[in-house]
Protein backbone atom coordinates (compact mmCIF):
# COMPACT_ATOMS: atom_id res chain seq x y z
CA UNK A 1 67.46 114.12 102.54
CA UNK A 2 70.47 112.49 104.18
CA UNK A 3 72.62 110.40 101.83
CA UNK A 4 74.06 107.12 102.99
CA UNK A 5 75.50 104.29 100.93
CA UNK A 6 73.35 101.32 99.96
CA UNK A 7 74.44 98.10 101.66
CA UNK A 8 75.76 96.93 98.25
CA UNK A 9 78.13 99.94 98.22
CA UNK A 10 79.79 98.84 101.49
CA UNK A 11 81.91 95.90 102.67
CA UNK A 12 78.73 94.73 104.43
CA UNK A 13 80.11 94.49 107.97
CA UNK A 14 77.61 95.11 110.77
CA UNK A 15 78.32 98.13 112.98
CA UNK A 16 78.44 95.82 116.01
CA UNK A 17 81.40 93.98 114.45
CA UNK A 18 83.39 97.15 113.70
CA UNK A 19 86.21 98.13 116.04
CA UNK A 20 85.85 101.52 117.74
CA UNK A 21 88.74 103.51 119.20
CA UNK A 22 88.38 106.43 121.60
CA UNK A 23 90.12 109.68 120.66
CA UNK A 24 92.28 109.44 123.79
CA UNK A 25 93.63 106.08 122.55
CA UNK A 26 94.56 107.16 119.00
CA UNK A 27 98.26 107.75 119.74
CA UNK A 28 98.51 104.31 121.33
CA UNK A 29 96.69 102.78 118.36
CA UNK A 30 99.14 104.38 115.92
CA UNK A 31 102.09 102.98 117.92
CA UNK A 32 100.42 99.56 118.09
CA UNK A 33 99.89 99.51 114.31
CA UNK A 34 103.56 100.45 113.77
CA UNK A 35 104.55 97.23 115.57
CA UNK A 36 102.66 95.41 112.80
CA UNK A 37 104.44 97.42 110.07
CA UNK A 38 101.29 99.43 109.40
CA UNK A 39 101.99 103.11 108.84
CA UNK A 40 99.37 105.85 108.86
CA UNK A 41 99.84 109.04 106.85
CA UNK A 42 97.75 112.08 107.74
CA UNK A 43 96.12 113.87 104.79
CA UNK A 44 92.95 115.63 103.70
CA UNK A 45 90.70 114.18 100.98
CA UNK A 46 87.31 114.84 99.42
CA UNK A 47 84.93 112.83 101.60
CA UNK A 48 83.13 111.34 98.59
CA UNK A 49 86.32 109.52 97.48
CA UNK A 50 86.12 107.10 100.45
CA UNK A 51 84.13 103.87 100.86
CA UNK A 52 82.14 102.43 103.76
CA UNK A 53 83.15 99.24 105.51
CA UNK A 54 80.13 99.01 107.81
CA UNK A 55 76.68 98.50 106.31
CA UNK A 56 74.38 100.20 108.82
CA UNK A 57 74.26 103.80 109.97
CA UNK A 58 72.35 106.01 112.37
CA UNK A 59 70.67 108.76 110.30
CA UNK A 60 70.45 111.09 113.33
CA UNK A 61 74.23 110.83 113.83
CA UNK A 62 74.83 111.58 110.13
CA UNK A 63 72.53 114.62 110.29
CA UNK A 64 74.27 115.82 113.45
CA UNK A 65 77.72 115.32 111.88
CA UNK A 66 76.63 117.25 108.77
CA UNK A 67 75.23 120.05 110.93
CA UNK A 68 78.47 120.19 112.94
CA UNK A 69 80.78 119.79 109.94
CA UNK A 70 82.66 123.03 110.64
CA UNK A 71 83.83 121.55 113.96
CA UNK A 72 83.96 117.87 113.04
CA UNK A 73 86.23 118.20 110.01
CA UNK A 74 88.85 119.49 112.46
CA UNK A 75 88.30 116.52 114.82
CA UNK A 76 90.52 113.43 114.96
CA UNK A 77 91.27 112.10 111.48
CA UNK A 78 89.27 109.05 110.45
CA UNK A 79 91.20 105.82 109.81
CA UNK A 80 91.19 104.63 106.20
CA UNK A 81 92.79 101.63 104.48
CA UNK A 82 95.10 101.85 101.45
CA UNK A 83 92.11 100.86 99.27
CA UNK A 84 90.06 103.78 100.71
CA UNK A 85 87.77 101.89 103.10
CA UNK A 86 86.88 103.57 106.40
CA UNK A 87 87.74 101.66 109.57
CA UNK A 88 86.82 104.25 112.22
CA UNK A 89 84.78 107.43 111.66
CA UNK A 90 81.85 106.45 109.41
CA UNK A 91 79.34 108.98 110.79
CA UNK A 92 81.79 111.92 110.60
CA UNK A 93 82.64 110.82 107.04
CA UNK A 94 78.96 110.74 106.04
CA UNK A 95 78.45 114.17 107.61
CA UNK A 96 81.24 115.49 105.37
CA UNK A 97 79.85 113.70 102.29
CA UNK A 98 76.42 115.25 102.91
CA UNK A 99 77.85 118.78 102.93
CA UNK A 100 80.22 118.09 100.00
CA UNK A 101 83.28 118.64 102.17
CA UNK A 102 86.81 117.40 102.79
CA UNK A 103 87.82 115.20 105.69
CA UNK A 104 91.11 114.58 107.49
CA UNK A 105 92.22 110.96 107.34
CA UNK A 106 94.98 108.67 108.50
CA UNK A 107 95.60 106.56 105.39
CA UNK A 108 97.20 103.18 106.05
CA UNK A 109 99.69 101.35 103.85
CA UNK A 110 97.61 98.13 103.93
CA UNK A 111 94.22 97.11 102.53
CA UNK A 112 90.97 96.95 104.48
CA UNK A 113 91.04 93.33 105.68
CA UNK A 114 94.56 93.57 107.11
CA UNK A 115 93.88 96.96 108.74
CA UNK A 116 90.55 95.80 110.20
CA UNK A 117 92.18 92.72 111.74
CA UNK A 118 95.00 94.82 113.23
CA UNK A 119 92.64 97.41 114.75
CA UNK A 120 90.49 94.59 116.22
CA UNK A 121 93.66 93.24 117.90
CA UNK A 122 94.37 96.64 119.51
CA UNK A 123 93.74 95.99 123.24
CA UNK A 124 91.68 99.17 123.72
CA UNK A 125 89.40 98.74 120.69
CA UNK A 126 85.78 97.84 121.43
CA UNK A 127 82.48 97.37 119.63
CA UNK A 128 79.06 98.91 120.12
CA UNK A 129 75.74 98.69 118.36
CA UNK A 130 74.30 101.32 116.05
CA UNK A 131 72.18 103.06 118.71
CA UNK A 132 74.83 103.45 121.40
CA UNK A 133 76.19 106.94 121.80
CA UNK A 134 79.63 107.89 120.56
CA UNK A 135 82.14 109.01 123.17
């Protein structure tokens, strides 16, 4: 059984409205956020201490992320707001939750709404629906 949060346990934002950022653009994103006085601090946390922003997930992607946890937990850190909401990296996070693991994060110094707006303004962010492949 693959665990995923109930819609009521999320901020309720559709996947298609969530900003996505390619790994290759992370350094640029971090610089862009700095211009808005948003700082990201890299750290490792227990995956189950974080909260979902988006409300819909692809179970196959969660299962794959859980299966590949040993590689994925070393992948790019997921982006998290000061109030522990995930902005980018929901499927990797759920993979880690399902194996009871830790995950590397970039924790911002601002809450979810401010961080979400800033990431949406990043020129290289984009959206995609739940069934489109990740990079």
